[in-house]
Amino acid sequence: MTTDDTAPDSAAEVPEPEATDPAGSRSAAPKRKHLPVWQESILLLAVALGLAIVIKALFMQAFYIPSESMEPGLVKNDRILVQKVSYWFGRTPHRGDVVVFKDPGEWLGSADSQGPTGFASLLSKVGLYPTGGHLVKRVIGTEGDVVECCDEQGRIKVNGKAIDESDYLGPDPGKCNAEISDWVSEADTAIERPCSWTIGPIPKGKLLVLGDNRGHSADSRAHLCGAEEDPCTQSPWVDTDLVVGKVFTLIWPRDRWRWISRPEVFEGIPDNPPADLLEKAEEADAVPGT
C-alpha cells in the first residue's frame, strides 16, 4: 500500500490567519506612544497657567478687601471675585454696582497699596491668588448725575431721587448717610455744611464712589479740596477706564459665601437731573476738585 507524499503532516503547525479589520483589510496600526509622566505634567501645568491668564485678562479676577470701608457686607481681608464681562464693548458701571478699580492717585496708603509678596505675588499675576493694590467702593453717581446730601431723613439723593441705603450701610454713617469733613465745607458753595452739599453734574467718563461704611471710608468725599486749598490738586472722581470689573461674589470665608448684586433701591433713578437741580448745582460753583 502506498502513501500520498503530498498529504500534510499531522504534526506540522498550521499558521494562524492574519488579523483583519471589519472591511477585510489587514490591520497594521502602530501602537500610540505615551509621553513620560514628567512631560505630561509640564504640559498640563502649561495649559492650566495659560487658561488662568486668559480668564484673568478677559473674564474674572480674584481680589481681597483692603480695609474696613465696605463693612458690614465686605470685611477686611475677605476674598472676592470680580467679573469683567458687564463692562465689555464700552459699557460702564451702573449706580449701585460694587466695583474694583485701580488707585486714581494716592487714594491708598503705602501699606494698602502693597500687593501680595513672594510666591503669592507670582500666583496673583496669573489669577491664582487675590490681587492687592486696588480699591473697592460702591458707585453712587455716573456721568451727568447730580448727587445731593441729604434729605430730612439723612438720605443721599441722585438726580432728585432719595436712596434708602439702610440695607447695606455700616452702623455709623455719621450725622447723615454721606457726611463730609468740616474742613472741606465752605459757605456759599456746593458744599456748605457736612450734611448739606451738592456735587455735579459728574463729568464725562467719571464716577462718584462711596464706601458702605461711610464713617470709615476714604472715598470720593475724602478727595475734595478744602476751602483753603488753592490751587486745588485733588479730584473726587474715578475714571471709568480705571475700573477693573464688578464684584459678583464673596468667596471667602466659606461660611459667608454669597452673591453680590445691585440693590433694587437704585432702580427708577431719573437718567438726568431736573432742570432746577442742574441750575442749582451749576450756580453753586460746585465742588473743589472738579
C-alpha atoms as a PDB file:
ATOM      1  CA  MET A   1       0.000   0.000   0.000  1.00  0.00           C
ATOM      2  CA  THR A   2       1.463   3.336  -0.971  1.00  0.00           C
ATOM      3  CA  THR A   3       1.116   6.735   0.801  1.00  0.00           C
ATOM      4  CA  ASP A   4       0.441  10.171  -0.737  1.00  0.00           C
ATOM      5  CA  ASP A   5       3.605  12.267  -0.398  1.00  0.00           C
ATOM      6  CA  THR A   6       1.586  15.477  -0.840  1.00  0.00           C
ATOM      7  CA  ALA A   7      -0.658  14.976   2.206  1.00  0.00           C
ATOM      8  CA  PRO A   8       0.087  17.351   5.110  1.00  0.00           C
ATOM      9  CA  ASP A   9       1.881  16.002   8.122  1.00  0.00           C
ATOM     10  CA  SER A  10      -0.497  15.811  11.067  1.00  0.00           C
ATOM     11  CA  ALA A  11       2.299  17.066  13.340  1.00  0.00           C
ATOM     12  CA  ALA A  12       3.021  20.150  11.250  1.00  0.00           C
ATOM     13  CA  GLU A  13       1.853  23.538  12.649  1.00  0.00           C
ATOM     14  CA  VAL A  14      -0.858  25.370  10.765  1.00  0.00           C
ATOM     15  CA  PRO A  15      -0.157  29.166  10.676  1.00  0.00           C
ATOM     16  CA  GLU A  16      -2.848  31.440  12.234  1.00  0.00           C
ATOM     17  CA  PRO A  17      -4.668  33.797   9.855  1.00  0.00           C
ATOM     18  CA  GLU A  18      -3.557  37.426   9.886  1.00  0.00           C
ATOM     19  CA  ALA A  19      -5.831  39.878  11.733  1.00  0.00           C
ATOM     20  CA  THR A  20      -8.158  41.857   9.568  1.00  0.00           C
ATOM     21  CA  ASP A  21     -10.401  44.841  10.240  1.00  0.00           C
ATOM     22  CA  PRO A  22     -14.160  44.670   9.636  1.00  0.00           C
ATOM     23  CA  ALA A  23     -13.642  45.640   5.993  1.00  0.00           C
ATOM     24  CA  GLY A  24     -11.358  42.647   5.482  1.00  0.00           C
ATOM     25  CA  SER A  25      -8.074  44.525   5.131  1.00  0.00           C
ATOM     26  CA  ARG A  26      -5.009  43.761   7.155  1.00  0.00           C
ATOM     27  CA  SER A  27      -4.535  45.812  10.311  1.00  0.00           C
ATOM     28  CA  ALA A  28      -1.141  47.440  10.675  1.00  0.00           C
ATOM     29  CA  ALA A  29      -1.892  50.388  13.082  1.00  0.00           C
ATOM     30  CA  PRO A  30       1.135  51.148  15.246  1.00  0.00           C
ATOM     31  CA  LYS A  31       0.757  51.391  18.992  1.00  0.00           C
ATOM     32  CA  ARG A  32       0.441  55.003  20.334  1.00  0.00           C
ATOM     33  CA  LYS A  33       3.412  56.140  22.341  1.00  0.00           C
ATOM     34  CA  HIS A  34       2.633  57.886  25.630  1.00  0.00           C
ATOM     35  CA  LEU A  35       4.621  60.853  26.903  1.00  0.00           C
ATOM     36  CA  PRO A  36       6.633  60.299  30.040  1.00  0.00           C
ATOM     37  CA  VAL A  37       4.805  61.321  33.210  1.00  0.00           C
ATOM     38  CA  TRP A  38       7.078  64.302  33.812  1.00  0.00           C
ATOM     39  CA  GLN A  39       6.416  65.653  30.289  1.00  0.00           C
ATOM     40  CA  GLU A  40       2.648  65.202  30.663  1.00  0.00           C
ATOM     41  CA  SER A  41       2.787  67.056  33.999  1.00  0.00           C
ATOM     42  CA  ILE A  42       4.639  70.003  32.466  1.00  0.00           C
ATOM     43  CA  LEU A  43       2.185  70.137  29.547  1.00  0.00           C
ATOM     44  CA  LEU A  44      -0.847  70.093  31.853  1.00  0.00           C
ATOM     45  CA  LEU A  45       0.697  72.819  34.036  1.00  0.00           C
ATOM     46  CA  ALA A  46       1.388  74.991  30.975  1.00  0.00           C
ATOM     47  CA  VAL A  47      -2.216  74.588  29.780  1.00  0.00           C
ATOM     48  CA  ALA A  48      -3.579  75.408  33.248  1.00  0.00           C
ATOM     49  CA  LEU A  49      -1.432  78.540  33.527  1.00  0.00           C
ATOM     50  CA  GLY A  50      -2.434  79.652  30.043  1.00  0.00           C
ATOM     51  CA  LEU A  51      -6.128  79.254  30.853  1.00  0.00           C
ATOM     52  CA  ALA A  52      -5.653  81.117  34.149  1.00  0.00           C
ATOM     53  CA  ILE A  53      -4.000  84.054  32.382  1.00  0.00           C
ATOM     54  CA  VAL A  54      -6.746  84.245  29.755  1.00  0.00           C
ATOM     55  CA  ILE A  55      -9.502  84.054  32.386  1.00  0.00           C
ATOM     56  CA  LYS A  56      -7.847  86.784  34.466  1.00  0.00           C
ATOM     57  CA  ALA A  57      -7.337  89.059  31.472  1.00  0.00           C
ATOM     58  CA  LEU A  58     -10.801  88.702  29.960  1.00  0.00           C
ATOM     59  CA  PHE A  59     -13.358  87.238  32.337  1.00  0.00           C
ATOM     60  CA  MET A  60     -12.773  87.323  36.092  1.00  0.00           C
ATOM     61  CA  GLN A  61     -10.167  88.037  38.732  1.00  0.00           C
ATOM     62  CA  ALA A  62      -9.741  87.478  42.469  1.00  0.00           C
ATOM     63  CA  PHE A  63      -9.125  90.325  44.931  1.00  0.00           C
ATOM     64  CA  TYR A  64      -9.142  90.858  48.661  1.00  0.00           C
ATOM     65  CA  ILE A  65     -10.788  93.676  50.620  1.00  0.00           C
ATOM     66  CA  PRO A  66      -8.002  96.053  51.745  1.00  0.00           C
ATOM     67  CA  SER A  67      -9.827  97.928  54.534  1.00  0.00           C
ATOM     68  CA  GLU A  68     -12.996  98.166  56.639  1.00  0.00           C
ATOM     69  CA  SER A  69     -14.574 100.705  54.251  1.00  0.00           C
ATOM     70  CA  MET A  70     -17.152  98.254  52.826  1.00  0.00           C
ATOM     71  CA  GLU A  71     -18.370  96.741  56.092  1.00  0.00           C
ATOM     72  CA  PRO A  72     -20.653  95.151  57.107  1.00  0.00           C
ATOM     73  CA  GLY A  73     -21.116  93.418  53.732  1.00  0.00           C
ATOM     74  CA  LEU A  74     -17.416  93.037  52.882  1.00  0.00           C
ATOM     75  CA  VAL A  75     -14.919  92.751  55.722  1.00  0.00           C
ATOM     76  CA  LYS A  76     -11.200  93.478  55.588  1.00  0.00           C
ATOM     77  CA  ASN A  77      -9.270  90.558  54.009  1.00  0.00           C
ATOM     78  CA  ASP A  78     -12.417  88.969  52.532  1.00  0.00           C
ATOM     79  CA  ARG A  79     -11.758  87.299  49.168  1.00  0.00           C
ATOM     80  CA  ILE A  80     -13.987  88.369  46.294  1.00  0.00           C
ATOM     81  CA  LEU A  81     -14.377  87.574  42.599  1.00  0.00           C
ATOM     82  CA  VAL A  82     -14.751  90.338  40.032  1.00  0.00           C
ATOM     83  CA  GLN A  83     -16.316  89.742  36.622  1.00  0.00           C
ATOM     84  CA  LYS A  84     -15.372  91.905  33.642  1.00  0.00           C
ATOM     85  CA  VAL A  85     -17.986  90.897  31.076  1.00  0.00           C
ATOM     86  CA  SER A  86     -20.511  93.527  32.219  1.00  0.00           C
ATOM     87  CA  TYR A  87     -18.174  96.325  31.124  1.00  0.00           C
ATOM     88  CA  TRP A  88     -17.164  94.938  27.726  1.00  0.00           C
ATOM     89  CA  PHE A  89     -17.763  96.830  24.487  1.00  0.00           C
ATOM     90  CA  GLY A  90     -17.691 100.284  26.062  1.00  0.00           C
ATOM     91  CA  ARG A  91     -20.307  99.593  28.731  1.00  0.00           C
ATOM     92  CA  THR A  92     -19.722 101.365  32.041  1.00  0.00           C
ATOM     93  CA  PRO A  93     -20.701 100.791  35.687  1.00  0.00           C
ATOM     94  CA  HIS A  94     -24.256 101.433  36.881  1.00  0.00           C
ATOM     95  CA  ARG A  95     -25.337 103.191  40.043  1.00  0.00           C
ATOM     96  CA  GLY A  96     -25.277 100.703  42.896  1.00  0.00           C
ATOM     97  CA  ASP A  97     -22.564  98.430  41.451  1.00  0.00           C
ATOM     98  CA  VAL A  98     -19.757  97.439  43.802  1.00  0.00           C
ATOM     99  CA  VAL A  99     -16.618  97.848  41.700  1.00  0.00           C
ATOM    100  CA  VAL A 100     -12.893  97.272  41.953  1.00  0.00           C
ATOM    101  CA  PHE A 101     -10.720  99.998  40.451  1.00  0.00           C
ATOM    102  CA  LYS A 102      -7.084 100.996  40.238  1.00  0.00           C
ATOM    103  CA  ASP A 103      -5.896 103.740  42.544  1.00  0.00           C
ATOM    104  CA  PRO A 104      -6.806 107.078  40.873  1.00  0.00           C
ATOM    105  CA  GLY A 105      -3.858 108.737  42.573  1.00  0.00           C
ATOM    106  CA  GLU A 106      -2.742 108.288  46.181  1.00  0.00           C
ATOM    107  CA  TRP A 107      -6.131 107.144  47.454  1.00  0.00           C
ATOM    108  CA  LEU A 108      -4.390 104.162  49.056  1.00  0.00           C
ATOM    109  CA  GLY A 109      -1.898 104.408  51.863  1.00  0.00           C
ATOM    110  CA  SER A 110       1.537 102.875  51.500  1.00  0.00           C
ATOM    111  CA  ALA A 111       0.521  99.735  53.421  1.00  0.00           C
ATOM    112  CA  ASP A 112      -2.715  99.204  51.473  1.00  0.00           C
ATOM    113  CA  SER A 113      -1.057  99.782  48.093  1.00  0.00           C
ATOM    114  CA  GLN A 114       1.264  96.807  48.563  1.00  0.00           C
ATOM    115  CA  GLY A 115       0.039  93.618  46.966  1.00  0.00           C
ATOM    116  CA  PRO A 116       0.998  90.023  47.839  1.00  0.00           C
ATOM    117  CA  THR A 117       4.694  89.214  48.011  1.00  0.00           C
ATOM    118  CA  GLY A 118       6.910  86.246  47.228  1.00  0.00           C
ATOM    119  CA  PHE A 119       5.318  83.191  45.645  1.00  0.00           C
ATOM    120  CA  ALA A 120       1.846  84.657  46.263  1.00  0.00           C
ATOM    121  CA  SER A 121       2.801  87.610  44.054  1.00  0.00           C
ATOM    122  CA  LEU A 122       3.667  85.233  41.201  1.00  0.00           C
ATOM    123  CA  LEU A 123       0.344  83.417  41.612  1.00  0.00           C
ATOM    124  CA  SER A 124      -1.552  86.724  41.622  1.00  0.00           C
ATOM    125  CA  LYS A 125      -0.115  87.627  38.215  1.00  0.00           C
ATOM    126  CA  VAL A 126      -1.762  84.602  36.634  1.00  0.00           C
ATOM    127  CA  GLY A 127      -5.017  84.907  38.559  1.00  0.00           C
ATOM    128  CA  LEU A 128      -4.420  82.107  41.069  1.00  0.00           C
ATOM    129  CA  TYR A 129      -4.183  84.386  44.115  1.00  0.00           C
ATOM    130  CA  PRO A 130      -6.092  87.570  45.105  1.00  0.00           C
ATOM    131  CA  THR A 131      -4.508  90.795  43.859  1.00  0.00           C
ATOM    132  CA  GLY A 132      -3.863  93.829  46.064  1.00  0.00           C
ATOM    133  CA  GLY A 133      -3.264  97.499  45.323  1.00  0.00           C
ATOM    134  CA  HIS A 134      -6.857  98.239  44.278  1.00  0.00           C
ATOM    135  CA  LEU A 135      -9.904  99.855  45.898  1.00  0.00           C
ATOM    136  CA  VAL A 136     -13.444  98.536  46.352  1.00  0.00           C
ATOM    137  CA  LYS A 137     -16.352 101.021  46.531  1.00  0.00           C
ATOM    138  CA  ARG A 138     -19.987 101.398  45.539  1.00  0.00           C
ATOM    139  CA  VAL A 139     -20.913 103.553  42.547  1.00  0.00           C
ATOM    140  CA  ILE A 140     -23.347 106.287  43.608  1.00  0.00           C
ATOM    141  CA  GLY A 141     -23.258 108.672  40.658  1.00  0.00           C
ATOM    142  CA  THR A 142     -22.363 108.297  36.985  1.00  0.00           C
ATOM    143  CA  GLU A 143     -21.781 110.682  34.084  1.00  0.00           C
ATOM    144  CA  GLY A 144     -24.220 113.619  34.133  1.00  0.00           C
ATOM    145  CA  ASP A 145     -25.667 112.888  37.593  1.00  0.00           C
ATOM    146  CA  VAL A 146     -26.127 115.434  40.353  1.00  0.00           C
ATOM    147  CA  VAL A 147     -25.724 113.986  43.847  1.00  0.00           C
ATOM    148  CA  GLU A 148     -27.072 115.760  46.948  1.00  0.00           C
ATOM    149  CA  CYS A 149     -26.730 115.241  50.659  1.00  0.00           C
ATOM    150  CA  CYS A 150     -29.069 114.964  52.282  1.00  0.00           C
ATOM    151  CA  ASP A 151     -32.858 114.931  52.713  1.00  0.00           C
ATOM    152  CA  GLU A 152     -34.635 115.286  56.087  1.00  0.00           C
ATOM    153  CA  GLN A 153     -34.070 111.579  56.763  1.00  0.00           C
ATOM    154  CA  GLY A 154     -30.353 111.867  56.037  1.00  0.00           C
ATOM    155  CA  ARG A 155     -30.578 110.050  52.709  1.00  0.00           C
ATOM    156  CA  ILE A 156     -28.498 110.774  49.602  1.00  0.00           C
ATOM    157  CA  LYS A 157     -30.397 111.981  46.562  1.00  0.00           C
ATOM    158  CA  VAL A 158     -29.360 111.237  42.970  1.00  0.00           C
ATOM    159  CA  ASN A 159     -30.957 113.399  40.289  1.00  0.00           C
ATOM    160  CA  GLY A 160     -33.554 114.410  42.858  1.00  0.00           C
ATOM    161  CA  LYS A 161     -34.493 110.879  43.998  1.00  0.00           C
ATOM    162  CA  ALA A 162     -33.734 109.814  47.588  1.00  0.00           C
ATOM    163  CA  ILE A 163     -31.939 106.475  48.049  1.00  0.00           C
ATOM    164  CA  ASP A 164     -32.736 104.244  51.048  1.00  0.00           C
ATOM    165  CA  GLU A 165     -29.360 102.616  51.752  1.00  0.00           C
ATOM    166  CA  SER A 166     -30.260 101.089  55.116  1.00  0.00           C
ATOM    167  CA  ASP A 167     -29.863  97.510  53.855  1.00  0.00           C
ATOM    168  CA  TYR A 168     -26.120  97.784  53.326  1.00  0.00           C
ATOM    169  CA  LEU A 169     -24.765 100.831  55.184  1.00  0.00           C
ATOM    170  CA  GLY A 170     -22.435 100.395  58.139  1.00  0.00           C
ATOM    171  CA  PRO A 171     -23.707 101.074  61.655  1.00  0.00           C
ATOM    172  CA  ASP A 172     -22.048 104.505  61.983  1.00  0.00           C
ATOM    173  CA  PRO A 173     -22.553 106.574  58.819  1.00  0.00           C
ATOM    174  CA  GLY A 174     -22.286 109.873  60.734  1.00  0.00           C
ATOM    175  CA  LYS A 175     -24.784 112.695  61.077  1.00  0.00           C
ATOM    176  CA  CYS A 176     -26.213 111.696  57.685  1.00  0.00           C
ATOM    177  CA  ASN A 177     -25.569 108.991  55.098  1.00  0.00           C
ATOM    178  CA  ALA A 178     -22.742 110.893  53.399  1.00  0.00           C
ATOM    179  CA  GLU A 179     -21.263 113.387  55.833  1.00  0.00           C
ATOM    180  CA  ILE A 180     -18.127 115.209  54.678  1.00  0.00           C
ATOM    181  CA  SER A 181     -15.355 116.602  56.839  1.00  0.00           C
ATOM    182  CA  ASP A 182     -15.908 120.016  58.407  1.00  0.00           C
ATOM    183  CA  TRP A 183     -12.633 121.288  56.980  1.00  0.00           C
ATOM    184  CA  VAL A 184     -13.906 120.731  53.436  1.00  0.00           C
ATOM    185  CA  SER A 185     -17.169 122.630  53.960  1.00  0.00           C
ATOM    186  CA  GLU A 186     -17.296 126.161  52.677  1.00  0.00           C
ATOM    187  CA  ALA A 187     -20.127 128.666  52.932  1.00  0.00           C
ATOM    188  CA  ASP A 188     -21.866 129.826  49.741  1.00  0.00           C
ATOM    189  CA  THR A 189     -20.551 126.881  47.704  1.00  0.00           C
ATOM    190  CA  ALA A 190     -21.952 123.494  46.759  1.00  0.00           C
ATOM    191  CA  ILE A 191     -20.502 122.060  49.972  1.00  0.00           C
ATOM    192  CA  GLU A 192     -21.845 124.461  52.580  1.00  0.00           C
ATOM    193  CA  ARG A 193     -22.086 122.063  55.533  1.00  0.00           C
ATOM    194  CA  PRO A 194     -21.155 118.420  56.268  1.00  0.00           C
ATOM    195  CA  CYS A 195     -24.704 117.225  55.524  1.00  0.00           C
ATOM    196  CA  SER A 196     -25.682 119.899  53.036  1.00  0.00           C
ATOM    197  CA  TRP A 197     -23.749 119.565  49.806  1.00  0.00           C
ATOM    198  CA  THR A 198     -24.286 119.113  46.090  1.00  0.00           C
ATOM    199  CA  ILE A 199     -21.909 117.526  43.570  1.00  0.00           C
ATOM    200  CA  GLY A 200     -22.348 117.518  39.822  1.00  0.00           C
ATOM    201  CA  PRO A 201     -23.024 117.219  37.093  1.00  0.00           C
ATOM    202  CA  ILE A 202     -20.442 114.440  37.109  1.00  0.00           C
ATOM    203  CA  PRO A 203     -18.039 114.836  34.163  1.00  0.00           C
ATOM    204  CA  LYS A 204     -17.954 112.531  31.156  1.00  0.00           C
ATOM    205  CA  GLY A 205     -16.269 109.200  31.819  1.00  0.00           C
ATOM    206  CA  LYS A 206     -16.215 109.734  35.597  1.00  0.00           C
ATOM    207  CA  LEU A 207     -17.841 108.119  38.641  1.00  0.00           C
ATOM    208  CA  LEU A 208     -18.596 109.199  42.194  1.00  0.00           C
ATOM    209  CA  VAL A 209     -17.970 106.326  44.612  1.00  0.00           C
ATOM    210  CA  LEU A 210     -18.620 105.832  48.332  1.00  0.00           C
ATOM    211  CA  GLY A 211     -17.828 103.074  50.797  1.00  0.00           C
ATOM    212  CA  ASP A 212     -20.683 101.350  52.598  1.00  0.00           C
ATOM    213  CA  ASN A 213     -19.015 102.026  55.952  1.00  0.00           C
ATOM    214  CA  ARG A 214     -19.403 105.773  55.497  1.00  0.00           C
ATOM    215  CA  GLY A 215     -17.886 106.767  58.832  1.00  0.00           C
ATOM    216  CA  HIS A 216     -14.669 104.887  57.961  1.00  0.00           C
ATOM    217  CA  SER A 217     -14.198 105.250  54.218  1.00  0.00           C
ATOM    218  CA  ALA A 218     -11.713 107.435  52.358  1.00  0.00           C
ATOM    219  CA  ASP A 219     -13.870 107.644  49.233  1.00  0.00           C
ATOM    220  CA  SER A 220     -14.822 110.468  46.852  1.00  0.00           C
ATOM    221  CA  ARG A 221     -15.671 112.729  49.805  1.00  0.00           C
ATOM    222  CA  ALA A 222     -12.117 112.484  51.137  1.00  0.00           C
ATOM    223  CA  HIS A 223     -10.711 113.810  47.867  1.00  0.00           C
ATOM    224  CA  LEU A 224     -12.480 117.135  47.800  1.00  0.00           C
ATOM    225  CA  CYS A 225     -10.149 120.043  48.297  1.00  0.00           C
ATOM    226  CA  GLY A 226     -10.553 122.132  51.434  1.00  0.00           C
ATOM    227  CA  ALA A 227     -11.633 125.756  51.443  1.00  0.00           C
ATOM    228  CA  GLU A 228      -8.054 126.988  51.846  1.00  0.00           C
ATOM    229  CA  GLU A 229      -6.507 124.804  49.140  1.00  0.00           C
ATOM    230  CA  ASP A 230      -5.756 126.954  46.120  1.00  0.00           C
ATOM    231  CA  PRO A 231      -4.942 125.709  43.602  1.00  0.00           C
ATOM    232  CA  CYS A 232      -6.871 122.501  44.125  1.00  0.00           C
ATOM    233  CA  THR A 233      -4.904 119.432  43.023  1.00  0.00           C
ATOM    234  CA  GLN A 234      -7.340 116.666  44.028  1.00  0.00           C
ATOM    235  CA  SER A 235     -10.368 115.160  42.361  1.00  0.00           C
ATOM    236  CA  PRO A 236     -13.304 113.204  43.833  1.00  0.00           C
ATOM    237  CA  TRP A 237     -13.911 111.345  40.577  1.00  0.00           C
ATOM    238  CA  VAL A 238     -12.867 107.862  39.464  1.00  0.00           C
ATOM    239  CA  ASP A 239     -12.183 107.441  35.747  1.00  0.00           C
ATOM    240  CA  THR A 240     -14.225 104.614  34.218  1.00  0.00           C
ATOM    241  CA  ASP A 241     -11.058 103.411  32.458  1.00  0.00           C
ATOM    242  CA  LEU A 242      -9.622 102.536  35.879  1.00  0.00           C
ATOM    243  CA  VAL A 243     -12.468 100.148  36.723  1.00  0.00           C
ATOM    244  CA  VAL A 244     -11.342  96.515  36.598  1.00  0.00           C
ATOM    245  CA  GLY A 245     -14.785  94.975  36.974  1.00  0.00           C
ATOM    246  CA  LYS A 246     -17.881  94.390  39.091  1.00  0.00           C
ATOM    247  CA  VAL A 247     -17.829  92.378  42.312  1.00  0.00           C
ATOM    248  CA  PHE A 248     -20.271  89.479  41.928  1.00  0.00           C
ATOM    249  CA  THR A 249     -19.452  87.066  44.739  1.00  0.00           C
ATOM    250  CA  LEU A 250     -17.796  86.820  48.141  1.00  0.00           C
ATOM    251  CA  ILE A 251     -15.882  83.533  48.054  1.00  0.00           C
ATOM    252  CA  TRP A 252     -14.002  83.511  51.376  1.00  0.00           C
ATOM    253  CA  PRO A 253     -14.580  82.913  54.270  1.00  0.00           C
ATOM    254  CA  ARG A 254     -16.738  79.979  53.194  1.00  0.00           C
ATOM    255  CA  ASP A 255     -19.326  80.484  55.916  1.00  0.00           C
ATOM    256  CA  ARG A 256     -20.111  83.954  54.492  1.00  0.00           C
ATOM    257  CA  TRP A 257     -20.175  82.995  50.804  1.00  0.00           C
ATOM    258  CA  ARG A 258     -22.863  84.882  48.877  1.00  0.00           C
ATOM    259  CA  TRP A 259     -23.703  86.516  45.557  1.00  0.00           C
ATOM    260  CA  ILE A 260     -23.382  90.308  45.345  1.00  0.00           C
ATOM    261  CA  SER A 261     -25.852  92.189  43.177  1.00  0.00           C
ATOM    262  CA  ARG A 262     -27.049  95.736  42.560  1.00  0.00           C
ATOM    263  CA  PRO A 263     -29.591  96.883  45.199  1.00  0.00           C
ATOM    264  CA  GLU A 264     -33.107  97.492  43.916  1.00  0.00           C
ATOM    265  CA  VAL A 265     -33.163 100.955  45.521  1.00  0.00           C
ATOM    266  CA  PHE A 266     -31.094 102.247  42.583  1.00  0.00           C
ATOM    267  CA  GLU A 267     -33.814 101.384  40.104  1.00  0.00           C
ATOM    268  CA  GLY A 268     -36.056 104.199  38.944  1.00  0.00           C
ATOM    269  CA  ILE A 269     -33.467 106.974  39.318  1.00  0.00           C
ATOM    270  CA  PRO A 270     -34.034 109.545  36.535  1.00  0.00           C
ATOM    271  CA  ASP A 271     -31.426 109.416  33.800  1.00  0.00           C
ATOM    272  CA  ASN A 272     -30.940 113.172  34.036  1.00  0.00           C
ATOM    273  CA  PRO A 273     -31.269 115.695  36.869  1.00  0.00           C
ATOM    274  CA  PRO A 274     -34.287 118.009  36.725  1.00  0.00           C
ATOM    275  CA  ALA A 275     -33.606 121.444  35.289  1.00  0.00           C
ATOM    276  CA  ASP A 276     -33.903 123.277  38.608  1.00  0.00           C
ATOM    277  CA  LEU A 277     -31.435 120.923  40.308  1.00  0.00           C
ATOM    278  CA  LEU A 278     -28.991 121.224  37.437  1.00  0.00           C
ATOM    279  CA  GLU A 279     -29.223 125.002  37.621  1.00  0.00           C
ATOM    280  CA  LYS A 280     -28.682 124.894  41.381  1.00  0.00           C
ATOM    281  CA  ALA A 281     -25.560 122.765  41.003  1.00  0.00           C
ATOM    282  CA  GLU A 282     -24.100 124.963  38.292  1.00  0.00           C
ATOM    283  CA  GLU A 283     -24.847 128.223  40.136  1.00  0.00           C
ATOM    284  CA  ALA A 284     -23.206 126.930  43.319  1.00  0.00           C
ATOM    285  CA  ASP A 285     -19.872 126.995  41.521  1.00  0.00           C
ATOM    286  CA  ALA A 286     -19.690 123.487  42.538  1.00  0.00           C
ATOM    287  CA  VAL A 287     -17.097 121.473  44.234  1.00  0.00           C
ATOM    288  CA  PRO A 288     -13.389 121.946  44.840  1.00  0.00           C
ATOM    289  CA  GLY A 289     -11.591 119.224  42.963  1.00  0.00           C
ATOM    290  CA  THR A 290     -13.854 119.118  39.919  1.00  0.00           C
END
